């Protein structure tokens, strides 16, 4: 927690450093998997297809987590 607090103090004191961090974050959004909605939707749909193809006759036949994109 102290690392976070130190970073926030640095943001408040050193505005040039803070702006460089903001700029780097803004530039990373288009290439970050976190913001790749199309990929997320494809993986979700693939998970639905995989769950549907599993044996649905048994109670609790589905695993807790299905990962389709390594």
Protein backbone atom coordinates (compact mmCIF):
# COMPACT_ATOMS: atom_id res chain seq x y z
CA UNK A 1 0.00 0.00 0.00
CA UNK A 2 2.86 2.37 0.68
CA UNK A 3 4.04 2.02 -2.95
CA UNK A 4 0.61 3.19 -4.10
CA UNK A 5 0.61 6.07 -1.65
CA UNK A 6 4.12 7.08 -2.74
CA UNK A 7 3.02 7.06 -6.39
CA UNK A 8 0.00 9.24 -5.60
CA UNK A 9 2.17 11.74 -3.72
CA UNK A 10 4.56 11.78 -6.69
CA UNK A 11 1.59 12.43 -9.01
CA UNK A 12 0.56 15.40 -6.89
CA UNK A 13 4.06 16.85 -6.65
CA UNK A 14 5.50 16.06 -10.09
CA UNK A 15 2.87 16.98 -12.68
CA UNK A 16 5.18 16.27 -15.63
CA UNK A 17 5.69 12.71 -14.41
CA UNK A 18 1.95 12.34 -13.85
CA UNK A 19 1.16 13.59 -17.37
CA UNK A 20 3.71 11.16 -18.85
CA UNK A 21 1.96 8.29 -17.05
CA UNK A 22 -1.45 9.46 -18.28
CA UNK A 23 -0.16 9.73 -21.85
CA UNK A 24 1.37 6.24 -21.71
CA UNK A 25 -1.91 4.81 -20.39
CA UNK A 26 -3.95 6.56 -23.10
CA UNK A 27 -1.64 5.20 -25.81
CA UNK A 28 -1.88 1.65 -24.46
CA UNK A 29 -5.70 1.48 -24.53
CA UNK A 30 -6.04 0.58 -28.24
CA UNK A 31 -3.53 -2.29 -27.98
CA UNK A 32 -4.44 -3.58 -24.54
CA UNK A 33 -6.32 -6.90 -24.29
CA UNK A 34 -8.28 -5.33 -21.44
CA UNK A 35 -10.05 -3.07 -23.95
CA UNK A 36 -10.33 -5.62 -26.81
CA UNK A 37 -14.10 -6.00 -26.70
CA UNK A 38 -14.36 -7.91 -29.98
CA UNK A 39 -11.93 -10.57 -28.74
CA UNK A 40 -13.80 -10.78 -25.42
CA UNK A 41 -17.12 -11.31 -27.21
CA UNK A 42 -15.60 -13.97 -29.51
CA UNK A 43 -14.25 -15.82 -26.48
CA UNK A 44 -17.56 -15.56 -24.65
CA UNK A 45 -19.47 -16.89 -27.66
CA UNK A 46 -16.94 -19.72 -28.08
CA UNK A 47 -17.44 -20.60 -24.41
CA UNK A 48 -21.20 -20.74 -24.92
CA UNK A 49 -20.77 -23.03 -27.93
CA UNK A 50 -18.41 -25.26 -25.95
CA UNK A 51 -20.82 -25.44 -22.99
CA UNK A 52 -23.71 -26.30 -25.32
CA UNK A 53 -21.72 -29.13 -26.88
CA UNK A 54 -20.99 -30.67 -23.46
CA UNK A 55 -23.19 -33.28 -21.87
CA UNK A 56 -26.07 -31.20 -20.54
CA UNK A 57 -28.07 -34.14 -19.18
CA UNK A 58 -26.21 -34.27 -15.88
CA UNK A 59 -26.75 -31.88 -13.02
CA UNK A 60 -23.76 -29.55 -12.60
CA UNK A 61 -22.21 -30.88 -15.80
CA UNK A 62 -20.59 -27.55 -16.57
CA UNK A 63 -17.18 -26.63 -15.14
CA UNK A 64 -16.84 -23.42 -13.19
CA UNK A 65 -14.50 -21.81 -15.73
CA UNK A 66 -14.03 -22.37 -19.46
CA UNK A 67 -11.07 -20.66 -21.11
CA UNK A 68 -11.02 -20.71 -24.90
CA UNK A 69 -8.28 -18.18 -25.64
CA UNK A 70 -4.85 -19.24 -24.39
